[in-house]
């Protein structure tokens, strides 16, 4: 059958300086009772090709035990990722 889904997203980025920046992505859709999610990322470059990322995700997803009866599940995730270049500096 036919169906319609509206999907909207907003992305905002800000650089505090050339070593520290933040970005946010917010998305909403009408596929499952207007689910909403957000991703916030902070990136610090402490030397060339070496970064620390702090990432926070927040969102809703829906699980259906029976068709037409979704259960709202709120998810939150926090992660820290480090990339490090072993190449000699020079």
Protein backbone atom coordinates (compact mmCIF):
# COMPACT_ATOMS: atom_id res chain seq x y z
CA UNK A 1 0.00 0.00 0.00
CA UNK A 2 0.86 3.64 -0.03
CA UNK A 3 2.26 5.46 2.96
CA UNK A 4 3.79 8.86 3.74
CA UNK A 5 6.71 9.61 6.02
CA UNK A 6 7.93 13.09 6.83
CA UNK A 7 11.61 13.27 7.76
CA UNK A 8 13.23 16.45 9.04
CA UNK A 9 16.81 17.03 10.12
CA UNK A 10 18.86 19.94 11.39
CA UNK A 11 22.65 20.02 11.61
CA UNK A 12 24.63 22.70 13.43
CA UNK A 13 28.42 22.88 13.67
CA UNK A 14 30.61 25.30 15.59
CA UNK A 15 34.40 25.61 15.71
CA UNK A 16 35.72 27.10 18.95
CA UNK A 17 39.16 27.19 17.34
CA UNK A 18 41.02 25.00 14.83
CA UNK A 19 41.58 22.29 17.43
CA UNK A 20 38.14 22.10 19.09
CA UNK A 21 34.77 21.85 17.37
CA UNK A 22 31.26 20.66 18.13
CA UNK A 23 28.46 19.39 15.92
CA UNK A 24 24.85 18.46 16.54
CA UNK A 25 22.38 16.60 14.35
CA UNK A 26 18.69 16.43 15.28
CA UNK A 27 16.24 14.32 13.30
CA UNK A 28 12.50 13.79 13.57
CA UNK A 29 10.24 11.54 11.55
CA UNK A 30 6.59 10.57 11.47
CA UNK A 31 7.17 6.90 10.66
CA UNK A 32 6.54 5.78 14.22
CA UNK A 33 4.54 8.31 16.22
CA UNK A 34 7.01 11.13 15.65
CA UNK A 35 10.30 9.63 16.78
CA UNK A 36 13.02 12.13 17.63
CA UNK A 37 16.77 11.64 17.92
CA UNK A 38 19.82 13.82 18.58
CA UNK A 39 23.55 13.28 18.14
CA UNK A 40 26.02 15.63 19.80
CA UNK A 41 29.75 15.34 19.09
CA UNK A 42 32.71 17.22 20.49
CA UNK A 43 36.06 16.79 18.70
CA UNK A 44 39.45 17.83 20.05
CA UNK A 45 42.52 17.53 17.84
CA UNK A 46 45.48 17.31 20.23
CA UNK A 47 48.10 16.75 17.51
CA UNK A 48 48.01 16.20 13.72
CA UNK A 49 45.92 13.11 12.82
CA UNK A 50 45.15 12.46 16.51
CA UNK A 51 41.73 13.25 17.95
CA UNK A 52 39.48 12.69 20.94
CA UNK A 53 35.73 12.46 20.26
CA UNK A 54 33.06 12.71 22.93
CA UNK A 55 29.72 11.55 21.50
CA UNK A 56 26.26 11.61 23.06
CA UNK A 57 23.22 10.08 21.36
CA UNK A 58 19.66 10.45 22.57
CA UNK A 59 16.61 9.10 20.83
CA UNK A 60 13.38 7.19 20.77
CA UNK A 61 12.68 4.01 18.90
CA UNK A 62 9.63 1.85 18.87
CA UNK A 63 9.26 -1.88 19.32
CA UNK A 64 5.98 -3.49 18.43
CA UNK A 65 4.84 -6.54 20.33
CA UNK A 66 1.74 -6.57 18.18
CA UNK A 67 1.02 -4.69 14.99
CA UNK A 68 -0.28 -1.21 15.74
CA UNK A 69 0.86 -1.34 19.38
CA UNK A 70 4.35 0.23 19.51
CA UNK A 71 6.24 0.53 22.79
CA UNK A 72 8.41 3.63 23.08
CA UNK A 73 11.99 2.82 24.05
CA UNK A 74 14.22 5.76 24.95
CA UNK A 75 17.90 5.23 24.28
CA UNK A 76 20.87 7.18 25.56
CA UNK A 77 24.45 6.41 24.60
CA UNK A 78 27.69 8.05 25.61
CA UNK A 79 31.00 7.19 23.94
CA UNK A 80 34.57 8.40 23.91
CA UNK A 81 36.74 7.59 20.90
CA UNK A 82 40.45 8.27 20.57
CA UNK A 83 42.39 8.17 17.31
CA UNK A 84 46.16 8.42 17.48
CA UNK A 85 48.71 8.66 14.70
CA UNK A 86 51.89 6.73 15.36
CA UNK A 87 53.78 8.43 12.53
CA UNK A 88 56.81 10.48 13.61
CA UNK A 89 56.29 14.21 13.84
CA UNK A 90 58.73 16.31 11.95
